[in-house]
Amino acid sequence: MIQKERIKQLKEVGSRDGEFVLYWMQASQRSVNNHALEYTAKRAKDLEQPLVVFFVLTNSFPEANRRHYVFMLQGLKEVRANLNDRGVQFITRQGDPVNLVPEVTKDASELVTDRGYLDVQKEWRKKVKEKINCPMTQVETDIVVPVEVASDKEEYAARTIRPKIQSKIDKYLNLPDEVKLKESSLDLEFNSIDLENPKDIVGDLDVNQDIKEVEEFKGGRSEALDRIDRFLEGKIERYPEESNDPNKDVLSGLSPYLHFGQISPVYVAKRVKERGGKGSEEFLEELIVRRELAINFIHYSKDYRSLDCLPDWARETLEKHRDDEREYVYSEEEFENAETHDPYWNAAQRQMVETGKMHGYMRMYWGKKILEWTDTPEEGFRIALKLNNKYELDGRDPNGFTGVAWCFGKHDQGWKERPVYGKVRYMNANGLNRKFDADRYTEKWS
């Protein structure tokens, strides 16, 4: 069953007698536990038409580079194989979705798509809607509680959204049944990119090729499932005490897979709830409440890429301390090359550059110090976002934008006033050493 709250009609026009029903897959890059896919399959079954799935590979996604594209295409290769086994043709083309989706849709009876929350994703869907002449439906599948159901406004902090989400989790913790299709689309003729060699495909794209793919993470749902299994079997019980220690391997490592929609957050939440026991409550707080607070922020805020997104108190205190003397000031290049005086900060930067993922606790310290070591809060915010989005596999994401904004006061409260930070929460190296063996972490990434 797919709850009606996940479904939104973007364009209501009379049905058209096309050749197939089209699912434009973009945010939710998976063939299993996908509400948008199964909704489309049900429509295809009802119309007794084949189902076709279409993905657009675009060079123009803001700040995406070789690292991101290789990971994504590794996952899409798996999606294609799984859909083909189901009798569903998966088409991939390179170009602009605003032009390519309407082109393929002209022979479709209906168009269904998934939901993205960034401005670029919303703009794509808006422009496609304006160009097509058939019904268009959006199905929200990368969140547990649909964003407008959780709240009809931007929430101030986790404490304000938590009760709203927690009261609704059980209702929306449902995965869609796989629809058995009557028609195969494998014999329909479409041009498509061959996904057999993801690295070769990316090499031909007009994207930044300098940020290389990483060995630490390989894309695809099967990889995500392996990480869930390992997390539940040997890590989750240690999660409450050790999740803030980057020397302890207790994190799930799922954020890149959630970012690309390669795994369903509903599926992950159900697995954790069914297991229960120590660590489940703390992990679900991060997976559902904190992640969906980030989505709430990106969905309702017009200013998530600038300091204008901050609460009044944070903007006022940073303005008050704008001209405070900085003990250290670094350029964007020095930050990127890990050339600060601080071995802990440098280690965190190197971890991100080398692996595509920085430990969450260190990412907080990393962002706070960029605020402290730049000439202006605006410059610090810009550099933190740029580096995060450039190197993190889960960058360019509601969680990424929110994590950087948190370092500057978003979703937080005022603390003891001090130079440069004002009342924004402060972090220092002594605090790291009280939490864990920071020198051991530094040695690993020196």
Protein backbone atom coordinates (compact mmCIF):
# COMPACT_ATOMS: atom_id res chain seq x y z
CA MET A 1 0.00 0.00 0.00
CA ILE A 2 1.24 3.49 -0.91
CA GLN A 3 -0.25 6.19 1.30
CA LYS A 4 -2.01 8.98 -0.55
CA GLU A 5 0.13 11.53 1.31
CA ARG A 6 3.16 10.33 -0.67
CA ILE A 7 1.38 10.99 -3.97
CA LYS A 8 0.99 14.42 -5.58
CA GLN A 9 -0.54 15.14 -8.97
CA LEU A 10 1.73 17.65 -10.66
CA LYS A 11 -0.28 17.79 -13.88
CA GLU A 12 -3.87 16.68 -14.25
CA VAL A 13 -4.93 16.30 -17.86
CA GLY A 14 -7.04 13.75 -19.66
CA SER A 15 -5.43 10.33 -20.03
CA ARG A 16 -3.58 9.72 -23.27
CA ASP A 17 -3.43 6.50 -25.26
CA GLY A 18 0.32 6.05 -25.30
CA GLU A 19 2.53 3.02 -25.75
CA PHE A 20 3.81 2.69 -22.18
CA VAL A 21 3.82 4.26 -18.71
CA LEU A 22 7.06 6.08 -17.90
CA TYR A 23 8.84 6.38 -14.56
CA TRP A 24 11.39 9.18 -14.62
CA MET A 25 13.83 7.97 -11.97
CA GLN A 26 16.15 10.66 -10.70
CA ALA A 27 16.38 11.00 -6.91
CA SER A 28 15.41 7.42 -5.97
CA GLN A 29 17.96 5.29 -7.80
CA ARG A 30 16.81 1.82 -6.80
CA SER A 31 14.65 -0.99 -8.14
CA VAL A 32 13.45 -2.28 -4.75
CA ASN A 33 11.40 -0.66 -1.95
CA ASN A 34 10.65 2.29 -4.23
CA HIS A 35 7.15 3.75 -3.81
CA ALA A 36 7.47 5.77 -7.04
CA LEU A 37 8.46 2.71 -9.07
CA GLU A 38 5.66 0.54 -7.70
CA TYR A 39 3.07 3.29 -8.17
CA THR A 40 4.13 3.48 -11.82
CA ALA A 41 4.03 -0.30 -12.14
CA LYS A 42 0.46 -0.33 -10.78
CA ARG A 43 -0.61 2.31 -13.31
CA ALA A 44 1.04 0.28 -16.11
CA LYS A 45 -0.73 -2.89 -14.96
CA ASP A 46 -4.09 -1.09 -14.77
CA LEU A 47 -3.64 0.25 -18.30
CA GLU A 48 -2.27 -3.08 -19.52
CA GLN A 49 0.79 -1.32 -20.87
CA PRO A 50 4.50 -1.92 -20.37
CA LEU A 51 6.51 0.02 -17.78
CA VAL A 52 9.63 1.92 -18.90
CA VAL A 53 12.12 3.53 -16.50
CA PHE A 54 14.17 6.52 -17.65
CA PHE A 55 17.21 8.15 -16.04
CA VAL A 56 18.94 11.28 -17.34
CA LEU A 57 22.69 11.56 -16.87
CA THR A 58 23.39 15.28 -16.78
CA ASN A 59 26.70 17.11 -16.81
CA SER A 60 25.14 20.11 -15.16
CA PHE A 61 24.24 18.91 -11.66
CA PRO A 62 25.77 21.61 -9.42
CA GLU A 63 29.19 20.69 -8.00
CA ALA A 64 29.05 17.00 -9.00
CA ASN A 65 32.34 15.48 -10.18
CA ARG A 66 33.93 12.18 -11.19
CA ARG A 67 33.78 10.79 -7.64
CA HIS A 68 30.02 11.29 -7.43
CA TYR A 69 29.28 10.07 -10.95
CA VAL A 70 31.23 6.82 -10.66
CA PHE A 71 29.48 5.94 -7.41
CA MET A 72 26.10 6.79 -8.93
CA LEU A 73 26.67 4.79 -12.12
CA GLN A 74 27.83 1.76 -10.17
CA GLY A 75 24.40 1.82 -8.54
CA LEU A 76 22.53 2.43 -11.79
CA LYS A 77 24.25 -0.56 -13.41
CA GLU A 78 22.72 -2.72 -10.69
CA VAL A 79 19.32 -1.03 -11.12
CA ARG A 80 19.31 -1.82 -14.83
CA ALA A 81 20.10 -5.49 -14.26
CA ASN A 82 17.36 -5.87 -11.63
CA LEU A 83 14.74 -4.09 -13.75
CA ASN A 84 15.62 -6.15 -16.82
CA ASP A 85 15.11 -9.32 -14.76
CA ARG A 86 11.63 -7.99 -14.03
CA GLY A 87 10.88 -7.39 -17.70
CA VAL A 88 11.34 -3.62 -17.43
CA GLN A 89 13.53 -1.64 -19.80
CA PHE A 90 15.85 0.90 -18.19
CA ILE A 91 16.90 3.77 -20.44
CA THR A 92 19.80 6.10 -19.66
CA ARG A 93 20.61 9.12 -21.80
CA GLN A 94 23.00 12.01 -21.38
CA GLY A 95 21.73 15.58 -21.50
CA ASP A 96 19.27 17.99 -19.90
CA PRO A 97 16.28 16.36 -18.16
CA VAL A 98 14.12 19.35 -19.04
CA ASN A 99 14.50 18.45 -22.72
CA LEU A 100 14.99 14.68 -22.64
CA VAL A 101 12.13 13.69 -20.34
CA PRO A 102 9.45 15.42 -22.45
CA GLU A 103 10.98 13.85 -25.57
CA VAL A 104 10.58 10.31 -24.22
CA THR A 105 7.23 11.16 -22.61
CA LYS A 106 5.58 12.06 -25.94
CA ASP A 107 4.87 8.35 -26.49
CA ALA A 108 3.84 7.68 -22.88
CA SER A 109 0.34 7.47 -21.43
CA GLU A 110 1.47 8.86 -18.08
CA LEU A 111 4.62 10.16 -16.42
CA VAL A 112 5.55 9.40 -12.80
CA THR A 113 8.59 10.74 -11.00
CA ASP A 114 10.15 10.63 -7.55
CA ARG A 115 10.79 13.66 -5.35
CA GLY A 116 13.89 15.75 -4.74
CA TYR A 117 14.16 18.67 -2.33
CA LEU A 118 17.01 20.80 -3.69
CA ASP A 119 16.17 23.83 -5.84
CA VAL A 120 17.61 22.24 -8.99
CA GLN A 121 15.50 19.11 -8.53
CA LYS A 122 12.33 21.13 -8.00
CA GLU A 123 13.09 23.27 -11.04
CA TRP A 124 13.56 20.22 -13.28
CA ARG A 125 10.16 18.83 -12.33
CA LYS A 126 8.46 22.19 -12.75
CA LYS A 127 9.85 22.71 -16.26
CA VAL A 128 9.13 19.15 -17.37
CA LYS A 129 5.53 19.53 -16.19
CA GLU A 130 5.14 22.61 -18.36
CA LYS A 131 6.41 20.79 -21.47
CA ILE A 132 4.41 17.55 -21.43
CA ASN A 133 0.83 16.78 -22.46
CA CYS A 134 0.01 13.81 -20.25
CA PRO A 135 -0.70 13.31 -16.54
CA MET A 136 2.34 13.73 -14.29
CA THR A 137 2.52 12.36 -10.75
CA GLN A 138 5.19 12.75 -8.08
CA VAL A 139 5.65 10.03 -5.46
CA GLU A 140 7.73 10.74 -2.35
CA THR A 141 9.83 7.74 -1.39
CA ASP A 142 13.15 8.92 0.10
CA ILE A 143 11.75 9.92 3.47
CA VAL A 144 9.83 8.13 6.21
CA VAL A 145 7.25 10.81 7.05
CA PRO A 146 6.34 12.91 3.95
CA VAL A 147 7.80 16.38 4.34
CA GLU A 148 4.53 18.35 4.37
CA VAL A 149 2.88 15.76 6.62
CA ALA A 150 5.63 16.20 9.20
CA SER A 151 5.27 20.00 9.17
CA ASP A 152 3.83 22.77 7.03
CA LYS A 153 6.65 25.19 7.87
CA GLU A 154 10.38 25.37 8.44
CA GLU A 155 11.09 24.00 11.90
CA TYR A 156 13.38 25.76 14.35
CA ALA A 157 15.24 22.75 15.73
CA ALA A 158 15.15 19.01 16.32
CA ARG A 159 13.14 19.54 19.51
CA THR A 160 10.33 21.23 17.57
CA ILE A 161 10.05 18.66 14.78
CA ARG A 162 10.74 15.52 16.84
CA PRO A 163 7.27 15.10 18.38
CA LYS A 164 5.60 15.81 15.03
CA ILE A 165 7.62 13.10 13.30
CA GLN A 166 7.58 10.54 16.09
CA SER A 167 3.79 10.61 16.31
CA LYS A 168 3.56 9.63 12.62
CA ILE A 169 6.43 7.19 12.08
CA ASP A 170 4.44 4.00 12.53
CA LYS A 171 1.82 5.09 10.01
CA TYR A 172 4.39 5.65 7.25
CA LEU A 173 6.76 2.80 7.99
CA ASN A 174 5.34 0.79 5.09
CA LEU A 175 7.16 -0.57 2.07
CA PRO A 176 5.31 -0.99 -1.23
CA ASP A 177 4.55 -4.46 -2.57
CA GLU A 178 6.24 -5.36 -5.83
CA VAL A 179 3.64 -5.21 -8.61
CA LYS A 180 3.57 -8.15 -11.01
CA LEU A 181 3.49 -6.64 -14.49
CA LYS A 182 1.37 -7.98 -17.33
CA GLU A 183 3.56 -6.57 -20.10
CA SER A 184 7.31 -6.56 -20.72
CA SER A 185 8.99 -3.45 -22.14
CA LEU A 186 12.23 -5.17 -23.12
CA ASP A 187 11.21 -5.41 -26.77
CA LEU A 188 10.51 -1.67 -27.12
CA GLU A 189 13.19 0.19 -29.07
CA PHE A 190 15.01 3.02 -27.29
CA ASN A 191 18.48 4.45 -27.52
CA SER A 192 20.34 4.12 -24.22
CA ILE A 193 23.82 4.40 -22.75
CA ASP A 194 25.45 1.05 -22.02
CA LEU A 195 26.14 1.06 -18.27
CA GLU A 196 28.57 -1.85 -18.27
CA ASN A 197 31.67 0.28 -17.55
CA PRO A 198 30.79 3.20 -15.24
CA LYS A 199 34.34 4.59 -15.08
CA ASP A 200 34.58 4.76 -18.88
CA ILE A 201 31.23 6.53 -19.10
CA VAL A 202 32.29 9.16 -16.58
CA GLY A 203 35.57 9.68 -18.41
CA ASP A 204 33.59 10.90 -21.42
CA LEU A 205 31.46 13.34 -19.42
CA ASP A 206 32.18 17.07 -19.22
CA VAL A 207 32.62 17.02 -15.44
CA ASN A 208 35.54 17.64 -13.08
CA GLN A 209 37.69 14.52 -13.51
CA ASP A 210 40.29 15.56 -10.91
CA ILE A 211 38.34 14.33 -7.88
CA LYS A 212 38.89 10.62 -8.26
CA GLU A 213 36.58 7.80 -7.24
CA VAL A 214 37.36 6.14 -3.90
CA GLU A 215 37.90 2.51 -2.94
CA GLU A 216 36.23 2.94 0.44
CA PHE A 217 32.73 3.10 -1.05
CA LYS A 218 31.27 1.31 -4.06
CA GLY A 219 27.82 2.30 -5.26
CA GLY A 220 24.76 0.06 -5.37
CA ARG A 221 22.00 -1.38 -3.23
CA SER A 222 23.83 -4.67 -2.68
CA GLU A 223 26.73 -2.75 -1.12
CA ALA A 224 24.28 -0.83 1.08
CA LEU A 225 22.63 -4.06 2.21
CA ASP A 226 26.01 -5.46 3.17
CA ARG A 227 26.67 -2.35 5.28
CA ILE A 228 23.30 -2.66 7.02
CA ASP A 229 23.96 -6.30 7.84
CA ARG A 230 27.38 -5.55 9.30
CA PHE A 231 26.03 -2.60 11.28
CA LEU A 232 23.20 -4.61 12.84
CA GLU A 233 25.34 -7.66 13.52
CA GLY A 234 28.32 -6.05 15.21
CA LYS A 235 28.09 -2.29 15.61
CA ILE A 236 24.69 -0.97 16.66
CA GLU A 237 25.05 -2.00 20.31
CA ARG A 238 28.19 0.12 20.54
CA TYR A 239 26.60 3.04 18.69
CA PRO A 240 25.38 5.05 21.75
CA GLU A 241 28.79 5.14 23.46
CA GLU A 242 31.18 5.09 20.49
CA SER A 243 29.52 6.86 17.56
CA ASN A 244 31.40 10.10 18.31
CA ASP A 245 34.78 8.35 18.28
CA PRO A 246 36.29 8.34 14.77
CA ASN A 247 38.77 5.66 15.86
CA LYS A 248 35.93 3.20 16.41
CA ASP A 249 34.26 1.67 13.36
CA VAL A 250 30.66 1.76 14.61
CA LEU A 251 28.89 3.95 12.04
CA SER A 252 26.63 2.48 9.38
CA GLY A 253 28.28 4.21 6.41
CA LEU A 254 24.87 4.48 4.73
CA SER A 255 24.73 8.21 4.02
CA PRO A 256 26.14 8.01 0.44
CA TYR A 257 23.59 5.31 -0.40
CA LEU A 258 20.74 7.33 1.10
CA HIS A 259 21.96 10.40 -0.77
CA PHE A 260 21.67 8.69 -4.16
CA GLY A 261 18.47 6.89 -3.23
CA GLN A 262 20.19 3.52 -3.60
CA ILE A 263 18.60 2.31 -0.35
CA SER A 264 15.22 3.19 1.14
CA PRO A 265 15.26 4.97 4.52
CA VAL A 266 11.96 3.20 5.26
CA TYR A 267 13.62 -0.17 4.69
CA VAL A 268 16.58 0.78 6.91
CA ALA A 269 14.27 2.05 9.66
CA LYS A 270 12.19 -1.12 9.56
CA ARG A 271 15.29 -3.31 9.83
CA VAL A 272 16.50 -1.33 12.84
CA LYS A 273 13.10 -1.29 14.57
CA GLU A 274 12.62 -5.02 14.02
CA ARG A 275 15.99 -5.71 15.57
CA GLY A 276 15.39 -3.35 18.49
CA GLY A 277 17.69 -3.42 21.48
CA LYS A 278 20.54 -1.15 22.44
CA GLY A 279 21.46 1.52 19.92
CA SER A 280 18.28 1.36 17.87
CA GLU A 281 16.68 4.45 19.42
CA GLU A 282 19.82 6.54 18.97
CA PHE A 283 20.31 5.43 15.37
CA LEU A 284 16.66 6.07 14.44
CA GLU A 285 16.96 9.57 15.89
CA GLU A 286 19.71 10.26 13.32
CA LEU A 287 18.10 8.39 10.43
CA ILE A 288 14.60 9.82 10.81
CA VAL A 289 14.40 12.89 13.06
CA ARG A 290 17.72 14.54 12.19
CA ARG A 291 17.69 13.57 8.52
CA GLU A 292 14.11 14.72 8.07
CA LEU A 293 14.80 17.97 9.94
CA ALA A 294 17.46 18.59 7.26
CA ILE A 295 14.95 17.86 4.50
CA ASN A 296 12.43 20.17 6.18
CA PHE A 297 15.06 22.94 6.19
CA ILE A 298 15.99 22.53 2.53
CA HIS A 299 12.37 22.18 1.41
CA TYR A 300 11.08 25.31 3.13
CA SER A 301 14.15 27.58 3.13
CA LYS A 302 14.99 29.78 0.15
CA ASP A 303 18.44 30.61 1.56
CA TYR A 304 20.08 27.31 2.44
CA ARG A 305 23.20 28.22 0.44
CA SER A 306 23.93 31.40 2.44
CA LEU A 307 24.09 32.80 5.97
CA ASP A 308 20.59 34.21 5.44
CA CYS A 309 19.34 30.75 6.43
CA LEU A 310 20.51 31.24 10.02
CA PRO A 311 18.21 32.24 12.91
CA ASP A 312 18.23 35.91 13.88
CA TRP A 313 20.35 35.41 16.99
CA ALA A 314 23.12 33.67 15.00
CA ARG A 315 23.26 36.27 12.25
CA GLU A 316 23.26 39.08 14.83
CA THR A 317 26.05 37.60 16.94
CA LEU A 318 28.25 36.82 13.92
CA GLU A 319 27.72 40.37 12.67
CA LYS A 320 28.66 41.78 16.08
CA HIS A 321 31.95 39.83 16.02
CA ARG A 322 32.67 40.28 12.32
CA ASP A 323 35.73 42.45 12.94
CA ASP A 324 37.21 40.40 15.78
CA GLU A 325 40.88 39.59 15.36
CA ARG A 326 41.50 36.06 14.05
CA GLU A 327 44.57 34.26 15.38
CA TYR A 328 44.81 32.33 12.11
CA VAL A 329 43.40 33.06 8.65
CA TYR A 330 43.66 30.60 5.79
CA SER A 331 42.82 30.72 2.11
CA GLU A 332 40.50 28.26 0.39
CA GLU A 333 43.54 26.59 -1.19
CA GLU A 334 45.26 26.15 2.18
CA PHE A 335 42.13 24.57 3.62
CA GLU A 336 41.72 22.29 0.64
CA ASN A 337 45.34 21.13 0.85
CA ALA A 338 45.12 20.56 4.63
CA GLU A 339 47.78 23.18 5.31
CA THR A 340 46.57 24.62 8.63
CA HIS A 341 48.48 24.68 11.92
CA ASP A 342 46.02 22.18 13.41
CA PRO A 343 46.93 18.48 12.89
CA TYR A 344 43.41 17.36 13.87
CA TRP A 345 41.72 19.59 11.32
CA ASN A 346 44.23 18.55 8.65
CA ALA A 347 43.56 14.89 9.40
CA ALA A 348 39.81 15.39 8.98
CA GLN A 349 40.31 17.15 5.65
CA ARG A 350 42.58 14.34 4.43
CA GLN A 351 40.07 11.70 5.46
CA MET A 352 37.40 13.43 3.41
CA VAL A 353 39.63 13.90 0.36
CA GLU A 354 40.90 10.32 0.42
CA THR A 355 37.75 8.38 1.32
CA GLY A 356 34.82 10.57 0.28
CA LYS A 357 33.51 10.60 3.84
CA MET A 358 34.55 12.42 7.00
CA HIS A 359 33.51 11.13 10.41
CA GLY A 360 30.47 13.10 11.60
CA TYR A 361 31.97 14.36 14.84
CA MET A 362 35.09 15.57 13.06
CA ARG A 363 32.94 17.26 10.41
CA MET A 364 31.45 19.44 13.16
CA TYR A 365 34.91 20.41 14.39
CA TRP A 366 36.07 20.92 10.80
CA GLY A 367 33.21 23.34 10.03
CA LYS A 368 33.60 25.28 13.28
CA LYS A 369 37.27 25.91 12.63
CA ILE A 370 36.62 27.16 9.10
CA LEU A 371 34.32 29.76 10.69
CA GLU A 372 37.09 30.68 13.12
CA TRP A 373 39.91 30.84 10.56
CA THR A 374 38.39 32.92 7.76
CA ASP A 375 38.15 36.69 7.40
CA THR A 376 34.34 36.78 7.40
CA PRO A 377 31.50 34.41 8.30
CA GLU A 378 30.34 34.56 4.66
CA GLU A 379 33.73 33.41 3.41
CA GLY A 380 33.82 30.61 5.95
CA PHE A 381 30.34 29.43 4.99
CA ARG A 382 31.22 29.48 1.30
CA ILE A 383 34.46 27.51 1.74
CA ALA A 384 32.90 24.92 4.05
CA LEU A 385 30.04 24.28 1.62
CA LYS A 386 32.34 24.14 -1.38
CA LEU A 387 34.77 21.64 0.14
CA ASN A 388 32.00 19.51 1.64
CA ASN A 389 30.14 19.32 -1.66
CA LYS A 390 33.30 18.70 -3.65
CA TYR A 391 34.73 15.76 -1.71
CA GLU A 392 31.92 14.16 0.30
CA LEU A 393 29.97 11.42 -1.49
CA ASP A 394 26.94 12.62 0.47
CA GLY A 395 27.61 16.30 -0.27
CA ARG A 396 25.12 18.40 -2.29
CA ASP A 397 22.47 16.94 -0.01
CA PRO A 398 20.01 18.26 2.62
CA ASN A 399 22.16 16.69 5.34
CA GLY A 400 25.31 18.30 3.95
CA PHE A 401 23.84 21.79 3.66
CA THR A 402 22.30 21.46 7.12
CA GLY A 403 25.51 20.17 8.69
CA VAL A 404 27.47 23.17 7.46
CA ALA A 405 24.73 25.59 8.53
CA TRP A 406 24.66 23.97 12.00
CA CYS A 407 28.32 24.90 12.46
CA PHE A 408 27.25 28.53 12.07
CA GLY A 409 24.23 28.31 14.42
CA LYS A 410 21.38 26.68 12.48
CA HIS A 411 19.08 24.44 14.55
CA ASP A 412 21.06 25.39 17.67
CA GLN A 413 20.87 27.90 20.53
CA GLY A 414 23.09 30.66 21.83
CA TRP A 415 26.01 29.68 24.06
CA LYS A 416 28.65 31.54 26.05
CA GLU A 417 29.84 34.56 24.07
CA ARG A 418 33.44 34.54 22.87
CA PRO A 419 35.56 36.22 20.15
CA VAL A 420 34.77 35.47 16.48
CA TYR A 421 32.04 32.93 17.29
CA GLY A 422 29.91 35.27 19.36
CA LYS A 423 27.21 33.04 20.85
CA VAL A 424 27.60 30.31 18.22
CA ARG A 425 28.62 26.97 19.76
CA TYR A 426 32.42 26.65 20.10
CA MET A 427 34.61 23.57 19.66
CA ASN A 428 38.32 23.18 20.32
CA ALA A 429 41.07 20.56 20.22
CA ASN A 430 40.90 19.94 23.96
CA GLY A 431 37.29 18.91 23.51
CA LEU A 432 38.34 16.35 20.91
CA ASN A 433 40.83 14.79 23.29
CA ARG A 434 38.21 14.52 26.02
CA LYS A 435 35.99 12.56 23.61
CA PHE A 436 38.54 10.21 22.07
CA ASP A 437 42.23 9.66 21.29
CA ALA A 438 42.61 12.51 18.80
CA ASP A 439 46.32 11.85 18.28
CA ARG A 440 45.57 8.30 17.17
CA TYR A 441 43.09 9.71 14.62
CA THR A 442 45.72 12.17 13.41
CA GLU A 443 48.31 9.45 12.97
CA LYS A 444 45.96 7.46 10.79
CA TRP A 445 45.37 10.39 8.42
CA SER A 446 48.74 12.11 8.60
